[in-house]
């Protein structure tokens, strides 16, 4: 039995979560099941922020969903503003330092719930179930659709939605949920939009110029703009506005997990945004597809080599019925063992370096040699001390 929290006002608390979408979509010729990251207002059941990724989401998806939730400008308004608190589970993406620091800049606490307690954030869990039952089941490529016994045919890539079409359909459903749907639990059978507008609680807005660079990470270094652009991570980023700014000292900020573009700020005035720079000579779609194919072949070859090496590493012995030494199942000749050992040494760069082939030269005479420790300097015997013992004193 679970208790129910008392009713609250709008923006008093948001709940956030990830959901793996059981729908196969086309992403540049590859079939994937995307993920959606969203936040919902507990009091009005309004979906305030949404972000979609073709793979498992990271902190960048959480920050993108939060930014769309906080902003009230088009096309995200009129819902939004700063929440009183954000309630999430113990997902590492929600509790990472970047997200906590970004919300901490607006004095918004993050309430992390205990593990395996989905009933503590029932609003977002109900939304996760509703989107599948009301929307995802009708899309092509739905993976949980019932099929006749013995039929395993899947849709071709051409029959699936593209990633962009799926995101558009999902955002349209979110707009329908907020404006037309009547979820249970709202007074007078209202829609989430009507419940939001009927609440007279004041909203705390964030200026768009402050929210434009929400949760950008700072590179922490001062760079100088050259004729080739700005160098970051051994690559150059350029833009049209950089003409005439060669030699300017700048600092860089960027979105987590995304290096296609960066935001350039003045080093002397950190709040002065100079402009956006883009990766120079970015690879085309055909090049990225060819590179992905090459990497897939290399990964398969490495997996096969690892599987074969693991099989050879394990030594299996025959079963015995007498008190005798066990015998290996696979017997090899001495020549086979010598050949494999020699090939392994030939591939070892450290063994091929031959450090003793060229002995080191003596240091130059002008260098200062380290002074030996007193306990390592041998004591030379005195002339009268033949056997190493000190001579007797004349007074004795």
Protein backbone atom coordinates (compact mmCIF):
# COMPACT_ATOMS: atom_id res chain seq x y z
CA UNK A 1 0.00 0.00 0.00
CA UNK A 2 1.32 3.38 -0.98
CA UNK A 3 0.32 6.78 0.32
CA UNK A 4 -0.45 9.75 -1.89
CA UNK A 5 1.36 13.05 -1.66
CA UNK A 6 -0.77 16.12 -0.94
CA UNK A 7 -1.62 18.35 -3.93
CA UNK A 8 0.89 21.06 -4.78
CA UNK A 9 1.05 24.06 -7.10
CA UNK A 10 2.60 24.28 -10.56
CA UNK A 11 6.40 24.16 -10.76
CA UNK A 12 6.56 23.02 -7.16
CA UNK A 13 8.16 19.76 -8.29
CA UNK A 14 9.22 18.16 -11.56
CA UNK A 15 9.86 14.48 -12.12
CA UNK A 16 12.31 13.26 -14.76
CA UNK A 17 13.14 9.91 -16.28
CA UNK A 18 14.49 8.06 -19.33
CA UNK A 19 12.41 5.66 -21.42
CA UNK A 20 13.66 3.28 -24.08
CA UNK A 21 11.22 3.56 -26.96
CA UNK A 22 10.22 0.07 -28.24
CA UNK A 23 10.08 1.32 -31.83
CA UNK A 24 12.70 0.62 -34.49
CA UNK A 25 13.65 3.72 -36.49
CA UNK A 26 16.12 4.46 -39.27
CA UNK A 27 19.23 6.47 -38.34
CA UNK A 28 21.48 6.95 -41.38
CA UNK A 29 20.77 3.44 -42.63
CA UNK A 30 21.03 1.76 -39.22
CA UNK A 31 18.06 0.43 -37.26
CA UNK A 32 17.98 1.58 -33.63
CA UNK A 33 15.51 1.98 -30.79
CA UNK A 34 15.73 5.59 -29.53
CA UNK A 35 15.43 6.89 -25.98
CA UNK A 36 13.35 9.78 -24.72
CA UNK A 37 14.28 11.96 -21.73
CA UNK A 38 11.53 14.16 -20.36
CA UNK A 39 10.29 16.08 -17.34
CA UNK A 40 6.69 16.44 -16.19
CA UNK A 41 5.13 18.88 -13.73
CA UNK A 42 3.59 16.91 -10.85
CA UNK A 43 0.72 19.30 -10.10
CA UNK A 44 -0.63 19.84 -13.62
CA UNK A 45 0.82 16.79 -15.46
CA UNK A 46 2.25 19.10 -18.13
CA UNK A 47 5.22 17.71 -20.08
CA UNK A 48 7.60 20.65 -19.78
CA UNK A 49 10.77 19.34 -21.46
CA UNK A 50 11.63 16.59 -23.96
CA UNK A 51 14.88 15.37 -25.54
CA UNK A 52 15.34 12.35 -27.83
CA UNK A 53 18.56 10.44 -28.55
CA UNK A 54 19.14 7.49 -30.93
CA UNK A 55 21.06 5.63 -28.21
CA UNK A 56 21.28 5.47 -24.43
CA UNK A 57 21.09 9.06 -23.16
CA UNK A 58 23.79 10.87 -21.26
CA UNK A 59 24.01 14.10 -19.32
CA UNK A 60 23.64 16.07 -22.55
CA UNK A 61 20.10 14.70 -22.99
CA UNK A 62 19.21 15.64 -19.40
CA UNK A 63 20.53 19.17 -19.89
CA UNK A 64 18.71 19.57 -23.21
CA UNK A 65 15.40 18.44 -21.68
CA UNK A 66 15.90 20.76 -18.71
CA UNK A 67 16.66 23.69 -20.98
CA UNK A 68 13.45 23.18 -22.98
CA UNK A 69 11.56 22.82 -19.71
CA UNK A 70 12.87 26.01 -18.12
CA UNK A 71 12.50 28.14 -21.25
CA UNK A 72 9.08 29.67 -21.84
CA UNK A 73 9.92 31.16 -25.23
CA UNK A 74 8.63 29.60 -28.43
CA UNK A 75 8.25 26.83 -29.28
CA UNK A 76 8.52 25.57 -25.68
CA UNK A 77 6.12 27.97 -23.95
CA UNK A 78 3.91 28.84 -22.24
CA UNK A 79 4.94 26.11 -19.80
CA UNK A 80 8.21 26.34 -17.93
CA UNK A 81 10.10 28.46 -15.49
CA UNK A 82 12.29 27.38 -12.60
CA UNK A 83 10.94 24.40 -10.60
CA UNK A 84 11.02 24.28 -6.84
CA UNK A 85 12.78 20.90 -6.96
CA UNK A 86 13.53 18.12 -9.42
CA UNK A 87 12.77 14.54 -8.39
CA UNK A 88 14.70 11.76 -10.16
CA UNK A 89 15.85 8.22 -9.57
CA UNK A 90 19.48 7.34 -8.95
CA UNK A 91 20.47 7.42 -12.62
CA UNK A 92 24.04 8.59 -13.06
CA UNK A 93 23.00 10.97 -15.86
CA UNK A 94 20.65 12.86 -13.52
CA UNK A 95 23.05 12.95 -10.57
CA UNK A 96 26.26 13.82 -12.45
CA UNK A 97 28.22 16.88 -11.38
CA UNK A 98 27.33 18.82 -14.54
CA UNK A 99 23.56 18.55 -14.02
CA UNK A 100 23.74 19.28 -10.28
CA UNK A 101 25.98 22.29 -10.92
CA UNK A 102 23.70 23.61 -13.69
CA UNK A 103 20.60 23.42 -11.48
CA UNK A 104 22.57 24.63 -8.46
CA UNK A 105 23.31 27.83 -10.36
CA UNK A 106 19.57 28.54 -10.18
CA UNK A 107 19.25 27.23 -6.57
CA UNK A 108 17.11 24.26 -7.68
CA UNK A 109 17.72 21.18 -5.50
CA UNK A 110 17.83 17.69 -7.01
CA UNK A 111 16.03 15.05 -4.95
CA UNK A 112 17.43 11.59 -5.67
CA UNK A 113 15.06 8.81 -4.69
CA UNK A 114 16.12 5.42 -3.34
CA UNK A 115 16.83 2.71 -5.87
CA UNK A 116 14.03 0.41 -7.06
CA UNK A 117 11.24 2.68 -5.83
CA UNK A 118 9.33 3.74 -8.97
CA UNK A 119 6.20 4.44 -6.92
CA UNK A 120 7.94 7.49 -5.43
CA UNK A 121 7.75 9.22 -8.84
CA UNK A 122 4.43 7.92 -10.02
CA UNK A 123 3.63 10.85 -12.32
CA UNK A 124 6.50 10.21 -14.71
CA UNK A 125 6.06 6.44 -14.50
CA UNK A 126 2.40 6.82 -15.48
CA UNK A 127 3.51 8.95 -18.43
CA UNK A 128 5.96 6.26 -19.53
CA UNK A 129 3.15 3.73 -19.62
CA UNK A 130 0.68 6.09 -21.29
CA UNK A 131 2.94 7.02 -24.20
CA UNK A 132 3.37 3.38 -25.14
CA UNK A 133 -0.27 2.38 -24.81
CA UNK A 134 -1.64 5.49 -26.53
CA UNK A 135 0.97 6.32 -29.16
CA UNK A 136 3.93 3.99 -29.69
CA UNK A 137 1.83 0.90 -30.44
CA UNK A 138 0.49 2.59 -33.59
CA UNK A 139 3.90 3.29 -35.14
CA UNK A 140 5.62 1.06 -37.71
CA UNK A 141 8.49 -0.85 -36.21
CA UNK A 142 6.87 -1.35 -32.79
CA UNK A 143 8.82 -4.26 -31.29
CA UNK A 144 6.19 -5.58 -28.86
CA UNK A 145 3.46 -6.13 -31.42
CA UNK A 146 1.88 -9.59 -31.38
CA UNK A 147 2.86 -11.75 -34.37
CA UNK A 148 1.55 -15.06 -35.67
CA UNK A 149 3.30 -18.12 -34.33
CA UNK A 150 6.42 -18.95 -36.31
CA UNK A 151 6.60 -15.58 -38.11
CA UNK A 152 9.82 -13.70 -37.40
CA UNK A 153 9.85 -11.22 -40.28
CA UNK A 154 10.89 -7.71 -39.40
CA UNK A 155 10.17 -4.54 -41.29
CA UNK A 156 12.73 -3.42 -43.82
CA UNK A 157 14.66 -0.21 -43.25
CA UNK A 158 12.59 1.52 -45.92
CA UNK A 159 9.37 0.68 -44.06
CA UNK A 160 10.52 2.32 -40.82
CA UNK A 161 10.24 5.93 -39.75
CA UNK A 162 13.33 8.07 -40.02
CA UNK A 163 14.67 9.51 -36.80
CA UNK A 164 13.54 13.03 -37.71
CA UNK A 165 10.00 11.82 -38.54
CA UNK A 166 9.81 9.93 -35.26
CA UNK A 167 10.90 12.97 -33.24
CA UNK A 168 8.29 15.11 -35.01
CA UNK A 169 5.55 12.56 -34.32
CA UNK A 170 6.58 12.32 -30.66
CA UNK A 171 6.58 16.11 -30.20
CA UNK A 172 3.15 16.30 -31.84
CA UNK A 173 1.89 13.72 -29.36
CA UNK A 174 3.39 15.75 -26.48
CA UNK A 175 1.54 18.84 -27.73
CA UNK A 176 -1.69 16.80 -27.92
CA UNK A 177 -1.14 15.52 -24.37
CA UNK A 178 -0.67 19.02 -22.98
CA UNK A 179 -3.52 20.70 -24.86
CA UNK A 180 -6.24 18.10 -25.56
CA UNK A 181 -5.84 15.04 -23.35
CA UNK A 182 -7.74 14.76 -20.04
CA UNK A 183 -5.55 12.67 -17.70
CA UNK A 184 -7.02 11.27 -14.53
CA UNK A 185 -6.36 13.15 -11.32
CA UNK A 186 -6.95 16.72 -12.51
CA UNK A 187 -9.87 18.73 -11.17
CA UNK A 188 -12.98 19.28 -13.33
CA UNK A 189 -11.65 16.93 -16.00
CA UNK A 190 -9.19 19.55 -17.20
CA UNK A 191 -6.40 19.20 -19.70
CA UNK A 192 -2.85 19.81 -18.45
CA UNK A 193 -2.82 23.20 -20.19
CA UNK A 194 -6.09 24.22 -18.52
CA UNK A 195 -4.78 23.10 -15.13
CA UNK A 196 -1.60 25.11 -15.73
CA UNK A 197 -3.45 28.27 -16.71
CA UNK A 198 -5.95 27.93 -13.83
CA UNK A 199 -3.10 27.90 -11.30
CA UNK A 200 -2.33 31.45 -10.14
CA UNK A 201 1.09 30.60 -8.72
CA UNK A 202 3.72 33.07 -9.94
CA UNK A 203 6.43 31.75 -12.24
CA UNK A 204 10.14 32.46 -11.97
CA UNK A 205 11.53 33.00 -15.45
CA UNK A 206 15.15 32.89 -16.55
CA UNK A 207 16.39 35.48 -19.10
CA UNK A 208 16.95 33.92 -22.50
CA UNK A 209 20.45 35.36 -22.78
CA UNK A 210 21.34 33.58 -19.52
CA UNK A 211 19.64 30.36 -20.59
CA UNK A 212 21.25 30.37 -24.04
CA UNK A 213 24.46 28.90 -22.59
CA UNK A 214 22.78 26.77 -19.95
CA UNK A 215 25.03 23.96 -18.68
CA UNK A 216 27.88 24.58 -21.12
CA UNK A 217 31.16 23.17 -19.86
CA UNK A 218 34.17 25.46 -19.72
CA UNK A 219 37.38 24.32 -21.34
CA UNK A 220 39.39 26.05 -18.62
CA UNK A 221 42.20 27.20 -20.93
CA UNK A 222 42.97 30.47 -22.67
CA UNK A 223 43.64 30.11 -26.38
CA UNK A 224 44.68 32.51 -29.10
CA UNK A 225 42.77 32.74 -32.37
CA UNK A 226 44.93 32.06 -35.42
CA UNK A 227 44.46 32.31 -39.17
CA UNK A 228 43.21 28.69 -39.15
CA UNK A 229 40.60 29.36 -36.45
CA UNK A 230 40.56 28.10 -32.87
CA UNK A 231 42.35 24.84 -32.08
CA UNK A 232 40.57 22.49 -29.68
CA UNK A 233 41.24 18.79 -29.20
CA UNK A 234 43.81 18.84 -32.03
CA UNK A 235 41.23 20.14 -34.52
CA UNK A 236 40.37 23.58 -35.84
CA UNK A 237 37.01 25.36 -35.55
CA UNK A 238 36.15 28.27 -37.81
CA UNK A 239 33.33 30.76 -38.44
CA UNK A 240 32.73 33.80 -40.62
CA UNK A 241 32.77 36.23 -37.68
CA UNK A 242 36.40 35.33 -36.90
CA UNK A 243 37.67 37.53 -39.76
CA UNK A 244 39.62 40.39 -38.21
CA UNK A 245 39.97 38.72 -34.79
CA UNK A 246 43.29 36.92 -35.35
CA UNK A 247 45.35 37.04 -32.16
CA UNK A 248 42.37 37.49 -29.85
CA UNK A 249 42.62 35.55 -26.56
CA UNK A 250 39.51 33.45 -26.08
CA UNK A 251 37.98 30.74 -23.87
CA UNK A 252 35.78 27.91 -25.08
CA UNK A 253 32.55 26.39 -23.83
CA UNK A 254 30.76 23.37 -25.27
CA UNK A 255 27.92 20.95 -24.76
CA UNK A 256 28.85 17.65 -23.09
CA UNK A 257 29.44 14.76 -25.51
CA UNK A 258 29.18 17.03 -28.56
CA UNK A 259 32.18 18.46 -30.39
CA UNK A 260 30.58 19.55 -33.66
CA UNK A 261 30.47 23.18 -32.55
CA UNK A 262 31.79 25.30 -29.70
CA UNK A 263 30.93 28.66 -28.17
CA UNK A 264 33.77 31.19 -28.09
CA UNK A 265 34.02 33.77 -25.30
CA UNK A 266 36.46 36.57 -24.64
CA UNK A 267 39.26 35.73 -22.21
CA UNK A 268 39.33 39.27 -20.77
CA UNK A 269 35.53 39.41 -20.35
CA UNK A 270 34.26 35.85 -19.66
CA UNK A 271 30.59 36.86 -20.10
CA UNK A 272 31.17 38.34 -23.55
CA UNK A 273 30.08 35.83 -26.18
CA UNK A 274 32.00 36.30 -29.42
CA UNK A 275 30.17 33.70 -31.50
CA UNK A 276 29.75 30.05 -32.45
CA UNK A 277 32.51 28.14 -34.25
CA UNK A 278 32.06 24.95 -36.28
CA UNK A 279 34.38 22.05 -37.02
CA UNK A 280 36.49 22.69 -40.11
CA UNK A 281 36.55 20.09 -42.89
CA UNK A 282 33.87 17.95 -41.28
CA UNK A 283 33.42 14.53 -42.87
CA UNK A 284 30.50 13.99 -45.25
CA UNK A 285 27.71 11.50 -44.71
CA UNK A 286 29.25 9.06 -47.19
CA UNK A 287 32.61 9.26 -45.42
CA UNK A 288 31.03 8.66 -42.03
CA UNK A 289 29.15 5.64 -43.35
CA UNK A 290 32.31 4.20 -44.90
CA UNK A 291 34.21 4.81 -41.66
CA UNK A 292 31.46 3.14 -39.66
CA UNK A 293 31.64 0.08 -41.94
CA UNK A 294 35.43 -0.13 -41.53
CA UNK A 295 35.14 0.13 -37.75
CA UNK A 296 32.47 -2.57 -37.67
CA UNK A 297 34.73 -4.96 -39.63
CA UNK A 298 37.65 -4.18 -37.33
CA UNK A 299 35.51 -4.75 -34.24
CA UNK A 300 34.31 -8.12 -35.57
CA UNK A 301 37.89 -9.17 -36.35
CA UNK A 302 39.07 -8.18 -32.88
CA UNK A 303 36.19 -10.05 -31.26
CA UNK A 304 37.05 -13.17 -33.27
CA UNK A 305 40.72 -12.91 -32.29
CA UNK A 306 39.79 -12.42 -28.65
CA UNK A 307 37.49 -15.44 -28.74
CA UNK A 308 40.20 -17.61 -30.32
CA UNK A 309 42.83 -16.38 -27.83
CA UNK A 310 40.52 -17.08 -24.90
CA UNK A 311 39.91 -20.59 -26.24
CA UNK A 312 43.64 -21.26 -26.56
CA UNK A 313 44.38 -19.78 -23.15
CA UNK A 314 42.24 -22.26 -21.26
CA UNK A 315 43.87 -25.63 -20.66
CA UNK A 316 41.48 -28.57 -20.62
CA UNK A 317 42.43 -31.95 -19.21
CA UNK A 318 41.11 -35.43 -19.88
CA UNK A 319 39.10 -37.31 -17.31
CA UNK A 320 41.01 -39.89 -15.33
CA UNK A 321 39.97 -42.95 -13.36
CA UNK A 322 43.36 -43.72 -11.85
CA UNK A 323 45.62 -41.73 -9.51
CA UNK A 324 47.70 -40.26 -12.31
CA UNK A 325 48.74 -36.83 -13.54
CA UNK A 326 46.00 -35.33 -15.75
CA UNK A 327 46.84 -35.08 -19.44
CA UNK A 328 45.97 -32.01 -21.57
CA UNK A 329 43.35 -32.60 -24.21
CA UNK A 330 45.31 -30.82 -26.91
CA UNK A 331 48.91 -31.94 -27.40
CA UNK A 332 51.36 -29.76 -29.33
CA UNK A 333 54.86 -30.36 -30.60
CA UNK A 334 57.91 -28.52 -29.41
CA UNK A 335 58.30 -26.86 -32.79
CA UNK A 336 54.75 -25.48 -32.59
CA UNK A 337 55.44 -24.06 -29.13
CA UNK A 338 58.72 -22.45 -30.24
CA UNK A 339 57.07 -20.92 -33.32
CA UNK A 340 54.22 -19.36 -31.32
CA UNK A 341 56.57 -18.01 -28.65
CA UNK A 342 58.85 -16.52 -31.29
CA UNK A 343 55.95 -14.86 -33.10
CA UNK A 344 54.72 -13.36 -29.81
CA UNK A 345 58.17 -11.93 -29.09
CA UNK A 346 58.38 -10.51 -32.60
CA UNK A 347 55.13 -8.61 -32.03
CA UNK A 348 56.26 -7.28 -28.62
CA UNK A 349 57.71 -3.83 -29.20
CA UNK A 350 59.42 -3.79 -25.80
CA UNK A 351 61.28 -7.00 -26.63
CA UNK A 352 62.25 -5.65 -30.06
CA UNK A 353 63.67 -2.43 -28.62
CA UNK A 354 66.97 -4.19 -27.61
CA UNK A 355 67.94 -1.73 -24.86
CA UNK A 356 71.39 -3.36 -24.35
CA UNK A 357 72.39 -3.20 -28.01
CA UNK A 358 73.79 0.35 -27.77
CA UNK A 359 75.21 0.97 -24.28
CA UNK A 360 74.71 4.49 -22.89
CA UNK A 361 77.69 6.85 -23.11
CA UNK A 362 79.38 8.41 -20.10
CA UNK A 363 77.96 11.79 -19.09
CA UNK A 364 79.97 14.88 -20.08
CA UNK A 365 82.66 16.02 -17.71
CA UNK A 366 80.92 19.31 -17.04
CA UNK A 367 77.87 17.61 -15.51
CA UNK A 368 77.55 17.42 -11.75
CA UNK A 369 77.54 13.84 -10.53
CA UNK A 370 75.32 12.82 -7.60
CA UNK A 371 77.12 12.54 -4.31
CA UNK A 372 77.17 8.93 -3.05
CA UNK A 373 75.60 8.16 0.29
CA UNK A 374 77.95 7.70 3.26
CA UNK A 375 76.80 4.16 3.93
CA UNK A 376 77.71 3.09 0.39
CA UNK A 377 81.28 4.51 0.38
CA UNK A 378 83.79 1.78 1.33
CA UNK A 379 86.13 2.79 4.17
CA UNK A 380 89.78 2.54 3.14
CA UNK A 381 91.98 1.06 5.91
CA UNK A 382 94.71 3.15 7.50
CA UNK A 383 98.38 2.28 6.82
CA UNK A 384 98.82 0.76 10.29
CA UNK A 385 95.42 -0.89 10.14
CA UNK A 386 96.27 -4.00 8.19
CA UNK A 387 93.46 -6.25 9.35
CA UNK A 388 90.87 -3.45 9.27
CA UNK A 389 90.91 -2.73 13.02
CA UNK A 390 91.84 0.65 14.42
CA UNK A 391 95.32 0.94 16.03
CA UNK A 392 95.56 1.02 19.80
CA UNK A 393 95.93 4.38 21.49
CA UNK A 394 99.34 5.31 22.98
CA UNK A 395 97.63 6.34 26.18
CA UNK A 396 96.30 2.85 26.61
